[in-house]
Amino acid sequence: MIDLDKQKTNTYTIAKSGKTEFFYVGRNNDQFKRKLSFTLPKPEIDHRIEIKAVLWDQSVFDLEAVLVVKKGAKNTDSYLKIDCLLMSERSRARVIPSLEIMEDAVKSGHGATVSTVIFAQPWPVNNTSRRLDNRRLSGLIYNVTNLSLKLEFKS
C-alpha cells in the first residue's frame, strides 16, 4: 500500500496488470486536497486502483481522481475505487472518481463510497452483544486500511 500523504506525484502511468492500493489517514485538523491521474497507455492491461481513507477528528479529504485509457490501449480491463470512512461527525470527505476513455474495445469503471461510523450504536437494537465497541472498531479500521494502525480511543 502507498501512503498518499507521503507521495508528491499526482500522475501515475500503469504499465502492467495488477493492483495498486493507496491509503490516507487524517487526524486532528489534517487537510488533504489533491487531483490524481492514472493512465493506461498500452493494450491488454488488467488493473485495479483502490484508494482508502480513514478520517478522524476534524480532518478533511478532498480528492478528484481520473482513470485515463489512452488510444491504442485495446482490451484493457480497469477499475478505480475510492472508499472513505468518517470516524468523527466533524470529519469531511469529497471524492470524485472519473473516467476518460479514448479507445473503443475496453472495459473500465469507477466507484466511490463515503461511510460514517456511529459509535456504540446497537446493530440490532437491544442486542448489546453486537455493539460497535473499541475492539471491534479497531478491527474495522484494520480491515479498511489493511495496516496495523495504533489507535487511541477515549473511554
C-alpha atoms as a PDB file:
ATOM      1  CA  MET A   1       0.000   0.000   0.000  1.00  0.00           C
ATOM      2  CA  ILE A   2       1.139   3.500  -0.810  1.00  0.00           C
ATOM      3  CA  ASP A   3       0.663   6.318   1.711  1.00  0.00           C
ATOM      4  CA  LEU A   4      -0.897   9.238  -0.186  1.00  0.00           C
ATOM      5  CA  ASP A   5       0.346  11.678   2.436  1.00  0.00           C
ATOM      6  CA  LYS A   6       3.964  10.824   1.567  1.00  0.00           C
ATOM      7  CA  GLN A   7       3.531  10.948  -2.220  1.00  0.00           C
ATOM      8  CA  LYS A   8       4.491  14.004  -4.243  1.00  0.00           C
ATOM      9  CA  THR A   9       3.353  12.502  -7.554  1.00  0.00           C
ATOM     10  CA  ASN A  10      -0.098  13.320  -8.922  1.00  0.00           C
ATOM     11  CA  THR A  11       0.228  11.427 -12.224  1.00  0.00           C
ATOM     12  CA  TYR A  12       0.730   7.661 -12.457  1.00  0.00           C
ATOM     13  CA  THR A  13       1.284   5.533 -15.569  1.00  0.00           C
ATOM     14  CA  ILE A  14       0.018   1.969 -15.270  1.00  0.00           C
ATOM     15  CA  ALA A  15       2.259  -0.175 -17.485  1.00  0.00           C
ATOM     16  CA  LYS A  16       1.325  -3.689 -16.356  1.00  0.00           C
ATOM     17  CA  SER A  17      -1.573  -5.712 -14.979  1.00  0.00           C
ATOM     18  CA  GLY A  18      -2.128  -5.882 -11.239  1.00  0.00           C
ATOM     19  CA  LYS A  19      -3.485  -3.873  -8.343  1.00  0.00           C
ATOM     20  CA  THR A  20      -2.340  -0.568  -6.859  1.00  0.00           C
ATOM     21  CA  GLU A  21      -3.534   0.408  -3.376  1.00  0.00           C
ATOM     22  CA  PHE A  22      -3.282   3.838  -1.760  1.00  0.00           C
ATOM     23  CA  PHE A  23      -4.287   4.868   1.750  1.00  0.00           C
ATOM     24  CA  TYR A  24      -4.648   8.035   3.778  1.00  0.00           C
ATOM     25  CA  VAL A  25      -5.280   8.545   7.499  1.00  0.00           C
ATOM     26  CA  GLY A  26      -6.392  12.034   8.534  1.00  0.00           C
ATOM     27  CA  ARG A  27      -6.175  13.180  12.158  1.00  0.00           C
ATOM     28  CA  ASN A  28      -6.779  16.411  14.069  1.00  0.00           C
ATOM     29  CA  ASN A  29      -7.158  19.228  11.517  1.00  0.00           C
ATOM     30  CA  ASP A  30      -5.342  17.496   8.632  1.00  0.00           C
ATOM     31  CA  GLN A  31      -6.333  18.762   5.187  1.00  0.00           C
ATOM     32  CA  PHE A  32      -5.784  16.622   2.078  1.00  0.00           C
ATOM     33  CA  LYS A  33      -6.701  18.126  -1.285  1.00  0.00           C
ATOM     34  CA  ARG A  34      -5.390  16.658  -4.495  1.00  0.00           C
ATOM     35  CA  LYS A  35      -6.154  15.701  -8.096  1.00  0.00           C
ATOM     36  CA  LEU A  36      -4.726  12.344  -9.203  1.00  0.00           C
ATOM     37  CA  SER A  37      -4.477  10.894 -12.701  1.00  0.00           C
ATOM     38  CA  PHE A  38      -3.923   7.227 -13.594  1.00  0.00           C
ATOM     39  CA  THR A  39      -3.116   6.466 -17.250  1.00  0.00           C
ATOM     40  CA  LEU A  40      -3.252   3.134 -19.081  1.00  0.00           C
ATOM     41  CA  PRO A  41      -1.220   3.659 -22.283  1.00  0.00           C
ATOM     42  CA  LYS A  42      -0.848   0.057 -23.534  1.00  0.00           C
ATOM     43  CA  PRO A  43      -3.229  -2.732 -24.609  1.00  0.00           C
ATOM     44  CA  GLU A  44      -4.091  -5.875 -22.631  1.00  0.00           C
ATOM     45  CA  ILE A  45      -3.695  -4.372 -19.136  1.00  0.00           C
ATOM     46  CA  ASP A  46      -5.960  -5.587 -16.308  1.00  0.00           C
ATOM     47  CA  HIS A  47      -5.552  -3.254 -13.345  1.00  0.00           C
ATOM     48  CA  ARG A  48      -7.430  -2.258 -10.180  1.00  0.00           C
ATOM     49  CA  ILE A  49      -6.752   1.002  -8.353  1.00  0.00           C
ATOM     50  CA  GLU A  50      -8.050   1.287  -4.782  1.00  0.00           C
ATOM     51  CA  ILE A  51      -7.839   4.393  -2.620  1.00  0.00           C
ATOM     52  CA  LYS A  52      -8.856   4.100   1.045  1.00  0.00           C
ATOM     53  CA  ALA A  53      -9.116   6.934   3.561  1.00  0.00           C
ATOM     54  CA  VAL A  54      -9.901   6.943   7.283  1.00  0.00           C
ATOM     55  CA  LEU A  55     -10.698  10.372   8.743  1.00  0.00           C
ATOM     56  CA  TRP A  56     -10.624  11.271  12.439  1.00  0.00           C
ATOM     57  CA  ASP A  57     -11.406  14.475  14.353  1.00  0.00           C
ATOM     58  CA  GLN A  58     -11.843  17.466  12.002  1.00  0.00           C
ATOM     59  CA  SER A  59      -9.761  16.127   9.128  1.00  0.00           C
ATOM     60  CA  VAL A  60     -10.790  16.745   5.520  1.00  0.00           C
ATOM     61  CA  PHE A  61     -10.172  14.534   2.465  1.00  0.00           C
ATOM     62  CA  ASP A  62     -10.839  16.149  -0.935  1.00  0.00           C
ATOM     63  CA  LEU A  63      -9.866  14.012  -3.922  1.00  0.00           C
ATOM     64  CA  GLU A  64     -10.549  14.107  -7.639  1.00  0.00           C
ATOM     65  CA  ALA A  65      -9.170  11.026  -9.388  1.00  0.00           C
ATOM     66  CA  VAL A  66      -9.337  10.226 -13.086  1.00  0.00           C
ATOM     67  CA  LEU A  67      -8.597   6.945 -14.837  1.00  0.00           C
ATOM     68  CA  VAL A  68      -7.438   7.594 -18.425  1.00  0.00           C
ATOM     69  CA  VAL A  69      -7.463   4.844 -21.071  1.00  0.00           C
ATOM     70  CA  LYS A  70      -5.358   6.095 -23.987  1.00  0.00           C
ATOM     71  CA  LYS A  71      -5.981   5.457 -27.680  1.00  0.00           C
ATOM     72  CA  GLY A  72      -4.365   2.139 -28.580  1.00  0.00           C
ATOM     73  CA  ALA A  73      -4.948   0.596 -25.125  1.00  0.00           C
ATOM     74  CA  LYS A  74      -7.331  -2.039 -26.515  1.00  0.00           C
ATOM     75  CA  ASN A  75      -8.717  -4.865 -24.399  1.00  0.00           C
ATOM     76  CA  THR A  76      -7.829  -3.230 -21.091  1.00  0.00           C
ATOM     77  CA  ASP A  77      -9.883  -4.010 -18.000  1.00  0.00           C
ATOM     78  CA  SER A  78      -9.557  -1.359 -15.300  1.00  0.00           C
ATOM     79  CA  TYR A  79     -11.385  -0.077 -12.232  1.00  0.00           C
ATOM     80  CA  LEU A  80     -10.917   2.943  -9.950  1.00  0.00           C
ATOM     81  CA  LYS A  81     -12.402   2.623  -6.456  1.00  0.00           C
ATOM     82  CA  ILE A  82     -12.335   5.202  -3.635  1.00  0.00           C
ATOM     83  CA  ASP A  83     -13.566   4.364  -0.112  1.00  0.00           C
ATOM     84  CA  CYS A  84     -13.687   6.824   2.800  1.00  0.00           C
ATOM     85  CA  LEU A  85     -14.569   6.065   6.404  1.00  0.00           C
ATOM     86  CA  LEU A  86     -15.511   9.038   8.593  1.00  0.00           C
ATOM     87  CA  MET A  87     -14.668   8.326  12.228  1.00  0.00           C
ATOM     88  CA  SER A  88     -15.994  11.637  13.539  1.00  0.00           C
ATOM     89  CA  GLU A  89     -19.077  13.745  12.962  1.00  0.00           C
ATOM     90  CA  ARG A  90     -16.730  16.645  12.196  1.00  0.00           C
ATOM     91  CA  SER A  91     -14.571  14.901   9.579  1.00  0.00           C
ATOM     92  CA  ARG A  92     -15.429  15.512   5.919  1.00  0.00           C
ATOM     93  CA  ALA A  93     -14.799  13.815   2.584  1.00  0.00           C
ATOM     94  CA  ARG A  94     -15.383  14.832  -1.015  1.00  0.00           C
ATOM     95  CA  VAL A  95     -14.373  12.276  -3.640  1.00  0.00           C
ATOM     96  CA  ILE A  96     -14.926  12.442  -7.387  1.00  0.00           C
ATOM     97  CA  PRO A  97     -13.820   9.445  -9.469  1.00  0.00           C
ATOM     98  CA  SER A  98     -13.983   9.817 -13.250  1.00  0.00           C
ATOM     99  CA  LEU A  99     -13.039   8.100 -16.499  1.00  0.00           C
ATOM    100  CA  GLU A 100     -11.542   9.342 -19.762  1.00  0.00           C
ATOM    101  CA  ILE A 101     -11.761   6.597 -22.364  1.00  0.00           C
ATOM    102  CA  MET A 102     -10.176   7.210 -25.766  1.00  0.00           C
ATOM    103  CA  GLU A 103     -10.402   3.627 -27.077  1.00  0.00           C
ATOM    104  CA  ASP A 104     -13.412   1.520 -28.088  1.00  0.00           C
ATOM    105  CA  ALA A 105     -12.524  -2.028 -27.027  1.00  0.00           C
ATOM    106  CA  VAL A 106     -12.105  -1.557 -23.257  1.00  0.00           C
ATOM    107  CA  LYS A 107     -13.814  -2.490 -20.020  1.00  0.00           C
ATOM    108  CA  SER A 108     -13.497   0.198 -17.367  1.00  0.00           C
ATOM    109  CA  GLY A 109     -15.392   1.502 -14.355  1.00  0.00           C
ATOM    110  CA  HIS A 110     -15.249   3.594 -11.222  1.00  0.00           C
ATOM    111  CA  GLY A 111     -16.946   3.923  -7.850  1.00  0.00           C
ATOM    112  CA  ALA A 112     -16.786   5.729  -4.533  1.00  0.00           C
ATOM    113  CA  THR A 113     -18.236   5.378  -1.038  1.00  0.00           C
ATOM    114  CA  VAL A 114     -18.194   7.651   1.985  1.00  0.00           C
ATOM    115  CA  SER A 115     -19.339   5.906   5.175  1.00  0.00           C
ATOM    116  CA  THR A 116     -19.796   7.133   8.725  1.00  0.00           C
ATOM    117  CA  VAL A 117     -19.259   5.104  11.891  1.00  0.00           C
ATOM    118  CA  ILE A 118     -21.709   5.717  14.712  1.00  0.00           C
ATOM    119  CA  PHE A 119     -20.004   4.860  17.987  1.00  0.00           C
ATOM    120  CA  ALA A 120     -21.702   2.429  20.390  1.00  0.00           C
ATOM    121  CA  GLN A 121     -24.778   2.144  18.176  1.00  0.00           C
ATOM    122  CA  PRO A 122     -26.542  -1.205  18.693  1.00  0.00           C
ATOM    123  CA  TRP A 123     -26.701  -3.187  15.473  1.00  0.00           C
ATOM    124  CA  PRO A 124     -29.678  -4.740  16.032  1.00  0.00           C
ATOM    125  CA  VAL A 125     -31.456  -2.585  18.594  1.00  0.00           C
ATOM    126  CA  ASN A 126     -31.447  -4.018  22.141  1.00  0.00           C
ATOM    127  CA  ASN A 127     -28.679  -6.501  21.371  1.00  0.00           C
ATOM    128  CA  THR A 128     -25.663  -5.300  23.342  1.00  0.00           C
ATOM    129  CA  SER A 129     -23.538  -8.259  22.213  1.00  0.00           C
ATOM    130  CA  ARG A 130     -23.313  -6.623  18.771  1.00  0.00           C
ATOM    131  CA  ARG A 131     -22.259  -3.141  19.856  1.00  0.00           C
ATOM    132  CA  LEU A 132     -19.520  -1.400  17.923  1.00  0.00           C
ATOM    133  CA  ASP A 133     -17.056  -1.246  20.803  1.00  0.00           C
ATOM    134  CA  ASN A 134     -13.428  -0.153  20.647  1.00  0.00           C
ATOM    135  CA  ARG A 135     -12.116  -3.656  19.952  1.00  0.00           C
ATOM    136  CA  ARG A 136     -14.458  -4.200  17.005  1.00  0.00           C
ATOM    137  CA  LEU A 137     -13.828  -0.693  15.780  1.00  0.00           C
ATOM    138  CA  SER A 138     -10.095  -1.357  15.844  1.00  0.00           C
ATOM    139  CA  GLY A 139     -10.659  -4.483  13.743  1.00  0.00           C
ATOM    140  CA  LEU A 140     -12.796  -2.499  11.329  1.00  0.00           C
ATOM    141  CA  ILE A 141     -10.074   0.108  10.865  1.00  0.00           C
ATOM    142  CA  TYR A 142      -7.523  -2.640  10.303  1.00  0.00           C
ATOM    143  CA  ASN A 143      -9.693  -4.178   7.594  1.00  0.00           C
ATOM    144  CA  VAL A 144     -10.312  -0.835   5.905  1.00  0.00           C
ATOM    145  CA  THR A 145      -6.664   0.117   5.577  1.00  0.00           C
ATOM    146  CA  ASN A 146      -5.076  -3.354   5.650  1.00  0.00           C
ATOM    147  CA  LEU A 147      -2.491  -1.934   8.014  1.00  0.00           C
ATOM    148  CA  SER A 148      -1.645  -2.332  11.658  1.00  0.00           C
ATOM    149  CA  LEU A 149      -2.595   1.121  12.888  1.00  0.00           C
ATOM    150  CA  LYS A 150      -2.064   2.040  16.509  1.00  0.00           C
ATOM    151  CA  LEU A 151      -5.206   3.843  17.556  1.00  0.00           C
ATOM    152  CA  GLU A 152      -6.122   5.530  20.802  1.00  0.00           C
ATOM    153  CA  PHE A 153      -9.712   5.587  21.947  1.00  0.00           C
ATOM    154  CA  LYS A 154     -11.467   7.680  24.530  1.00  0.00           C
ATOM    155  CA  SER A 155     -13.493   5.649  27.012  1.00  0.00           C
END
